[in-house]
Amino acid sequence: MMNAVISDRLKARFDRWDVAGKGVLRRSDFEHEADRIVRAFGRGSTSPAARDLRNALCWMFDVVAGESGARPDGSVNEQQFRRVCEDLIFEQGEAAFNRMLTPVLTAVIGLCAKKDEGRIDRAEFAKWLSAHGMSVADGGVAFDKIDHYGRGELSLNQMLQAVRDYHYGRLDIELISGRPRSFPAGGASRSGVHRKRSS
């Protein structure tokens, strides 16, 4: 029987992509998520970093659609989505999960100031989560719980581990919440993002 936490998080992930609430996912839903993330970072939609993120998310949809038996220009319903994700988590394992998520997270880091070093800082992490329905303040709190060494930055591998642990039900914080948020051209507000005090 599937862990209730994993089930709830798969539901949250599906609902976040299903912006129209029609019970199906299309390639355009993944394109729209890329646009939300890009706007949260205050980046232009035609920038190379935006293009890379859009391509990575569309590739992810193509994989899910292919595994579900749908065409890339078709749709994936929630049952099909769950079946693909359950196979990924319970049958294919963490290495397959990493292969699926690494291109997307690499593209997210490509929007960051230290992209050449492969790192995302606290404020940037909070912006990313704000595009997944979290408040910027809650995104900062989530970062603090993941940043075990208090360095104020996460590497790609640390970010990947956090997302993997979230979907495997091993992370006791939320990374996805609510309905899609809209952002002004300048990106997500910095309000509510506070730096950790040194002790």
C-alpha atoms as a PDB file:
ATOM      1  CA  MET A   1       0.000   0.000   0.000  1.00  0.00           C
ATOM      2  CA  MET A   2       1.326   3.430  -0.922  1.00  0.00           C
ATOM      3  CA  ASN A   3       2.569   5.644   1.896  1.00  0.00           C
ATOM      4  CA  ALA A   4      -0.110   8.302   2.564  1.00  0.00           C
ATOM      5  CA  VAL A   5       2.480  11.079   2.514  1.00  0.00           C
ATOM      6  CA  ILE A   6       3.770   9.999  -0.907  1.00  0.00           C
ATOM      7  CA  SER A   7       0.199   9.782  -2.197  1.00  0.00           C
ATOM      8  CA  ASP A   8      -0.674  13.253  -0.920  1.00  0.00           C
ATOM      9  CA  ARG A   9       2.447  14.740  -2.463  1.00  0.00           C
ATOM     10  CA  LEU A  10       1.795  13.130  -5.839  1.00  0.00           C
ATOM     11  CA  LYS A  11      -1.688  14.639  -5.664  1.00  0.00           C
ATOM     12  CA  ALA A  12      -0.219  18.052  -4.835  1.00  0.00           C
ATOM     13  CA  ARG A  13       2.273  17.752  -7.700  1.00  0.00           C
ATOM     14  CA  PHE A  14      -0.472  16.826 -10.185  1.00  0.00           C
ATOM     15  CA  ASP A  15      -2.735  19.644  -9.005  1.00  0.00           C
ATOM     16  CA  ARG A  16       0.069  22.187  -9.336  1.00  0.00           C
ATOM     17  CA  TRP A  17       0.509  21.305 -13.004  1.00  0.00           C
ATOM     18  CA  ASP A  18      -3.238  20.996 -13.623  1.00  0.00           C
ATOM     19  CA  VAL A  19      -3.774  24.746 -13.517  1.00  0.00           C
ATOM     20  CA  ALA A  20      -7.118  24.589 -15.333  1.00  0.00           C
ATOM     21  CA  GLY A  21      -8.442  21.930 -12.964  1.00  0.00           C
ATOM     22  CA  LYS A  22      -9.531  19.689 -15.838  1.00  0.00           C
ATOM     23  CA  GLY A  23      -8.054  16.519 -14.382  1.00  0.00           C
ATOM     24  CA  VAL A  24      -5.471  16.119 -17.143  1.00  0.00           C
ATOM     25  CA  LEU A  25      -1.949  17.361 -17.832  1.00  0.00           C
ATOM     26  CA  ARG A  26      -0.773  18.698 -21.170  1.00  0.00           C
ATOM     27  CA  ARG A  27       2.599  19.855 -22.411  1.00  0.00           C
ATOM     28  CA  SER A  28       1.401  23.439 -22.097  1.00  0.00           C
ATOM     29  CA  ASP A  29       0.975  22.966 -18.321  1.00  0.00           C
ATOM     30  CA  PHE A  30       4.694  22.270 -18.031  1.00  0.00           C
ATOM     31  CA  GLU A  31       5.481  25.259 -20.226  1.00  0.00           C
ATOM     32  CA  HIS A  32       3.344  27.426 -17.938  1.00  0.00           C
ATOM     33  CA  GLU A  33       5.222  26.158 -14.882  1.00  0.00           C
ATOM     34  CA  ALA A  34       8.499  27.166 -16.527  1.00  0.00           C
ATOM     35  CA  ASP A  35       7.039  30.619 -17.147  1.00  0.00           C
ATOM     36  CA  ARG A  36       5.943  30.945 -13.496  1.00  0.00           C
ATOM     37  CA  ILE A  37       9.403  30.041 -12.241  1.00  0.00           C
ATOM     38  CA  VAL A  38      11.087  32.430 -14.672  1.00  0.00           C
ATOM     39  CA  ARG A  39       8.792  35.267 -13.586  1.00  0.00           C
ATOM     40  CA  ALA A  40       9.445  34.486  -9.931  1.00  0.00           C
ATOM     41  CA  PHE A  41      13.143  35.037 -10.624  1.00  0.00           C
ATOM     42  CA  GLY A  42      12.394  38.229 -12.531  1.00  0.00           C
ATOM     43  CA  ARG A  43      13.999  36.893 -15.682  1.00  0.00           C
ATOM     44  CA  GLY A  44      12.877  37.471 -19.258  1.00  0.00           C
ATOM     45  CA  SER A  45      10.836  34.748 -20.919  1.00  0.00           C
ATOM     46  CA  THR A  46      13.110  34.737 -23.976  1.00  0.00           C
ATOM     47  CA  SER A  47      16.392  34.449 -22.076  1.00  0.00           C
ATOM     48  CA  PRO A  48      18.582  31.376 -22.634  1.00  0.00           C
ATOM     49  CA  ALA A  49      17.996  30.317 -19.011  1.00  0.00           C
ATOM     50  CA  ALA A  50      14.223  30.509 -19.512  1.00  0.00           C
ATOM     51  CA  ARG A  51      14.513  28.470 -22.700  1.00  0.00           C
ATOM     52  CA  ASP A  52      16.577  25.808 -20.928  1.00  0.00           C
ATOM     53  CA  LEU A  53      14.021  25.495 -18.130  1.00  0.00           C
ATOM     54  CA  ARG A  54      11.125  25.287 -20.564  1.00  0.00           C
ATOM     55  CA  ASN A  55      12.922  22.601 -22.562  1.00  0.00           C
ATOM     56  CA  ALA A  56      13.722  20.596 -19.421  1.00  0.00           C
ATOM     57  CA  LEU A  57      10.145  20.656 -18.158  1.00  0.00           C
ATOM     58  CA  CYS A  58       8.726  19.816 -21.585  1.00  0.00           C
ATOM     59  CA  TRP A  59      11.155  16.898 -21.798  1.00  0.00           C
ATOM     60  CA  MET A  60       9.830  15.722 -18.435  1.00  0.00           C
ATOM     61  CA  PHE A  61       6.266  15.827 -19.753  1.00  0.00           C
ATOM     62  CA  ASP A  62       7.308  13.903 -22.858  1.00  0.00           C
ATOM     63  CA  VAL A  63       8.794  11.179 -20.659  1.00  0.00           C
ATOM     64  CA  VAL A  64       5.680  10.979 -18.464  1.00  0.00           C
ATOM     65  CA  ALA A  65       3.421  10.972 -21.526  1.00  0.00           C
ATOM     66  CA  GLY A  66       5.496   8.264 -23.181  1.00  0.00           C
ATOM     67  CA  GLU A  67       5.478   6.068 -20.084  1.00  0.00           C
ATOM     68  CA  SER A  68       1.717   6.522 -19.715  1.00  0.00           C
ATOM     69  CA  GLY A  69       1.004   5.614 -23.339  1.00  0.00           C
ATOM     70  CA  ALA A  70      -0.057   9.132 -24.296  1.00  0.00           C
ATOM     71  CA  ARG A  71       1.328  11.096 -27.225  1.00  0.00           C
ATOM     72  CA  PRO A  72       3.488  14.187 -26.606  1.00  0.00           C
ATOM     73  CA  ASP A  73       0.662  16.330 -28.019  1.00  0.00           C
ATOM     74  CA  GLY A  74      -1.934  14.475 -25.947  1.00  0.00           C
ATOM     75  CA  SER A  75      -2.914  14.514 -22.284  1.00  0.00           C
ATOM     76  CA  VAL A  76      -2.161  12.515 -19.137  1.00  0.00           C
ATOM     77  CA  ASN A  77      -4.881  11.988 -16.547  1.00  0.00           C
ATOM     78  CA  GLU A  78      -4.257  11.688 -12.816  1.00  0.00           C
ATOM     79  CA  GLN A  79      -4.455   7.899 -12.774  1.00  0.00           C
ATOM     80  CA  GLN A  80      -1.872   7.651 -15.556  1.00  0.00           C
ATOM     81  CA  PHE A  81       0.336  10.202 -13.820  1.00  0.00           C
ATOM     82  CA  ARG A  82       0.202   8.307 -10.549  1.00  0.00           C
ATOM     83  CA  ARG A  83       0.988   5.009 -12.271  1.00  0.00           C
ATOM     84  CA  VAL A  84       4.082   6.486 -13.940  1.00  0.00           C
ATOM     85  CA  CYS A  85       5.274   8.128 -10.702  1.00  0.00           C
ATOM     86  CA  GLU A  86       4.651   5.025  -8.606  1.00  0.00           C
ATOM     87  CA  ASP A  87       6.687   2.985 -11.074  1.00  0.00           C
ATOM     88  CA  LEU A  88       9.449   5.579 -10.920  1.00  0.00           C
ATOM     89  CA  ILE A  89       9.509   5.670  -7.117  1.00  0.00           C
ATOM     90  CA  PHE A  90       8.856   2.036  -6.206  1.00  0.00           C
ATOM     91  CA  GLU A  91      10.172   0.070  -9.180  1.00  0.00           C
ATOM     92  CA  GLN A  92      12.842   2.073 -11.011  1.00  0.00           C
ATOM     93  CA  GLY A  93      14.298   3.630  -7.867  1.00  0.00           C
ATOM     94  CA  GLU A  94      16.280   6.682  -6.925  1.00  0.00           C
ATOM     95  CA  ALA A  95      18.743   6.607  -9.819  1.00  0.00           C
ATOM     96  CA  ALA A  96      15.866   6.851 -12.304  1.00  0.00           C
ATOM     97  CA  PHE A  97      14.277   9.607 -10.225  1.00  0.00           C
ATOM     98  CA  ASN A  98      17.556  11.523 -10.339  1.00  0.00           C
ATOM     99  CA  ARG A  99      17.741  11.189 -14.127  1.00  0.00           C
ATOM    100  CA  MET A 100      14.233  12.621 -14.406  1.00  0.00           C
ATOM    101  CA  LEU A 101      14.766  15.595 -12.076  1.00  0.00           C
ATOM    102  CA  THR A 102      18.385  16.578 -12.691  1.00  0.00           C
ATOM    103  CA  PRO A 103      17.772  18.435 -15.999  1.00  0.00           C
ATOM    104  CA  VAL A 104      14.974  20.498 -14.429  1.00  0.00           C
ATOM    105  CA  LEU A 105      16.892  21.397 -11.275  1.00  0.00           C
ATOM    106  CA  THR A 106      19.998  22.191 -13.320  1.00  0.00           C
ATOM    107  CA  ALA A 107      17.877  24.602 -15.360  1.00  0.00           C
ATOM    108  CA  VAL A 108      16.475  26.196 -12.178  1.00  0.00           C
ATOM    109  CA  ILE A 109      20.006  26.788 -10.915  1.00  0.00           C
ATOM    110  CA  GLY A 110      20.721  28.305 -14.322  1.00  0.00           C
ATOM    111  CA  LEU A 111      18.482  31.199 -13.233  1.00  0.00           C
ATOM    112  CA  CYS A 112      20.607  31.835 -10.132  1.00  0.00           C
ATOM    113  CA  ALA A 113      23.451  34.268  -9.472  1.00  0.00           C
ATOM    114  CA  LYS A 114      25.956  31.464  -8.832  1.00  0.00           C
ATOM    115  CA  LYS A 115      24.827  29.282 -11.709  1.00  0.00           C
ATOM    116  CA  ASP A 116      28.431  28.755 -12.828  1.00  0.00           C
ATOM    117  CA  GLU A 117      29.176  27.254  -9.413  1.00  0.00           C
ATOM    118  CA  GLY A 118      25.994  25.171  -9.495  1.00  0.00           C
ATOM    119  CA  ARG A 119      24.491  26.761  -6.371  1.00  0.00           C
ATOM    120  CA  ILE A 120      21.204  28.296  -5.270  1.00  0.00           C
ATOM    121  CA  ASP A 121      20.984  30.645  -2.295  1.00  0.00           C
ATOM    122  CA  ARG A 122      18.234  31.073   0.295  1.00  0.00           C
ATOM    123  CA  ALA A 123      16.371  33.916  -1.425  1.00  0.00           C
ATOM    124  CA  GLU A 124      16.520  32.145  -4.792  1.00  0.00           C
ATOM    125  CA  PHE A 125      15.290  28.873  -3.290  1.00  0.00           C
ATOM    126  CA  ALA A 126      12.363  30.753  -1.743  1.00  0.00           C
ATOM    127  CA  LYS A 127      11.552  32.311  -5.128  1.00  0.00           C
ATOM    128  CA  TRP A 128      11.560  28.869  -6.719  1.00  0.00           C
ATOM    129  CA  LEU A 129       9.175  27.493  -4.105  1.00  0.00           C
ATOM    130  CA  SER A 130       6.952  30.564  -4.450  1.00  0.00           C
ATOM    131  CA  ALA A 131       6.305  29.424  -8.018  1.00  0.00           C
ATOM    132  CA  HIS A 132       5.054  26.146  -6.488  1.00  0.00           C
ATOM    133  CA  GLY A 133       2.504  27.887  -4.271  1.00  0.00           C
ATOM    134  CA  MET A 134       4.611  28.401  -1.143  1.00  0.00           C
ATOM    135  CA  SER A 135       4.894  31.830   0.425  1.00  0.00           C
ATOM    136  CA  VAL A 136       8.353  33.367   0.150  1.00  0.00           C
ATOM    137  CA  ALA A 137       8.626  33.292   3.945  1.00  0.00           C
ATOM    138  CA  ASP A 138       7.756  29.571   4.107  1.00  0.00           C
ATOM    139  CA  GLY A 139      10.207  28.924   1.290  1.00  0.00           C
ATOM    140  CA  GLY A 140      12.941  30.481   3.403  1.00  0.00           C
ATOM    141  CA  VAL A 141      11.986  28.292   6.366  1.00  0.00           C
ATOM    142  CA  ALA A 142      12.102  25.208   4.141  1.00  0.00           C
ATOM    143  CA  PHE A 143      15.560  26.202   2.946  1.00  0.00           C
ATOM    144  CA  ASP A 144      16.804  26.505   6.533  1.00  0.00           C
ATOM    145  CA  LYS A 145      15.684  22.954   7.287  1.00  0.00           C
ATOM    146  CA  ILE A 146      17.435  21.615   4.193  1.00  0.00           C
ATOM    147  CA  ASP A 147      20.626  23.672   4.634  1.00  0.00           C
ATOM    148  CA  HIS A 148      21.970  21.426   7.387  1.00  0.00           C
ATOM    149  CA  TYR A 149      25.390  23.100   7.490  1.00  0.00           C
ATOM    150  CA  GLY A 150      24.054  26.671   7.548  1.00  0.00           C
ATOM    151  CA  ARG A 151      26.059  27.749   4.505  1.00  0.00           C
ATOM    152  CA  GLY A 152      23.248  29.774   2.962  1.00  0.00           C
ATOM    153  CA  GLU A 153      23.558  27.880  -0.332  1.00  0.00           C
ATOM    154  CA  LEU A 154      22.605  24.499  -1.733  1.00  0.00           C
ATOM    155  CA  SER A 155      24.411  22.538  -4.410  1.00  0.00           C
ATOM    156  CA  LEU A 156      22.591  20.726  -7.190  1.00  0.00           C
ATOM    157  CA  ASN A 157      23.043  17.432  -5.346  1.00  0.00           C
ATOM    158  CA  GLN A 158      21.616  18.871  -2.114  1.00  0.00           C
ATOM    159  CA  MET A 159      18.662  20.313  -3.982  1.00  0.00           C
ATOM    160  CA  LEU A 160      18.097  17.004  -5.767  1.00  0.00           C
ATOM    161  CA  GLN A 161      18.224  15.107  -2.484  1.00  0.00           C
ATOM    162  CA  ALA A 162      15.653  17.457  -0.945  1.00  0.00           C
ATOM    163  CA  VAL A 163      13.219  17.029  -3.852  1.00  0.00           C
ATOM    164  CA  ARG A 164      13.790  13.273  -3.933  1.00  0.00           C
ATOM    165  CA  ASP A 165      13.259  12.964  -0.168  1.00  0.00           C
ATOM    166  CA  TYR A 166      10.116  15.074  -0.460  1.00  0.00           C
ATOM    167  CA  HIS A 167       8.553  12.772  -3.036  1.00  0.00           C
ATOM    168  CA  TYR A 168       9.729   9.651  -1.210  1.00  0.00           C
ATOM    169  CA  GLY A 169       8.025  10.898   1.958  1.00  0.00           C
ATOM    170  CA  ARG A 170      11.272  11.298   3.892  1.00  0.00           C
ATOM    171  CA  LEU A 171      11.247  15.093   4.143  1.00  0.00           C
ATOM    172  CA  ASP A 172       9.037  16.496   6.909  1.00  0.00           C
ATOM    173  CA  ILE A 173       8.478  19.856   5.207  1.00  0.00           C
ATOM    174  CA  GLU A 174       6.357  20.864   2.245  1.00  0.00           C
ATOM    175  CA  LEU A 175       7.789  22.058  -1.067  1.00  0.00           C
ATOM    176  CA  ILE A 176       4.496  22.392  -2.952  1.00  0.00           C
ATOM    177  CA  SER A 177       1.337  24.127  -1.802  1.00  0.00           C
ATOM    178  CA  GLY A 178      -1.789  25.907  -2.980  1.00  0.00           C
ATOM    179  CA  ARG A 179      -2.776  27.104  -6.420  1.00  0.00           C
ATOM    180  CA  PRO A 180      -0.429  28.665  -8.985  1.00  0.00           C
ATOM    181  CA  ARG A 181       0.773  32.135  -8.068  1.00  0.00           C
ATOM    182  CA  SER A 182       1.153  34.984 -10.556  1.00  0.00           C
ATOM    183  CA  PHE A 183       4.146  37.306 -10.439  1.00  0.00           C
ATOM    184  CA  PRO A 184       4.863  40.801 -11.732  1.00  0.00           C
ATOM    185  CA  ALA A 185       7.617  41.296 -14.277  1.00  0.00           C
ATOM    186  CA  GLY A 186      10.086  42.090 -11.485  1.00  0.00           C
ATOM    187  CA  GLY A 187       9.722  38.663  -9.927  1.00  0.00           C
ATOM    188  CA  ALA A 188       8.685  37.436  -6.501  1.00  0.00           C
ATOM    189  CA  SER A 189       8.808  39.870  -3.611  1.00  0.00           C
ATOM    190  CA  ARG A 190      11.655  39.555  -1.157  1.00  0.00           C
ATOM    191  CA  SER A 191       9.234  40.238   1.676  1.00  0.00           C
ATOM    192  CA  GLY A 192       9.429  37.578   4.353  1.00  0.00           C
ATOM    193  CA  VAL A 193      12.862  36.286   3.371  1.00  0.00           C
ATOM    194  CA  HIS A 194      15.219  36.716   6.286  1.00  0.00           C
ATOM    195  CA  ARG A 195      18.756  35.576   6.658  1.00  0.00           C
ATOM    196  CA  LYS A 196      19.560  33.190   9.444  1.00  0.00           C
ATOM    197  CA  ARG A 197      21.285  34.720  12.409  1.00  0.00           C
ATOM    198  CA  SER A 198      24.587  33.236  13.374  1.00  0.00           C
ATOM    199  CA  SER A 199      24.576  31.724  16.810  1.00  0.00           C
END
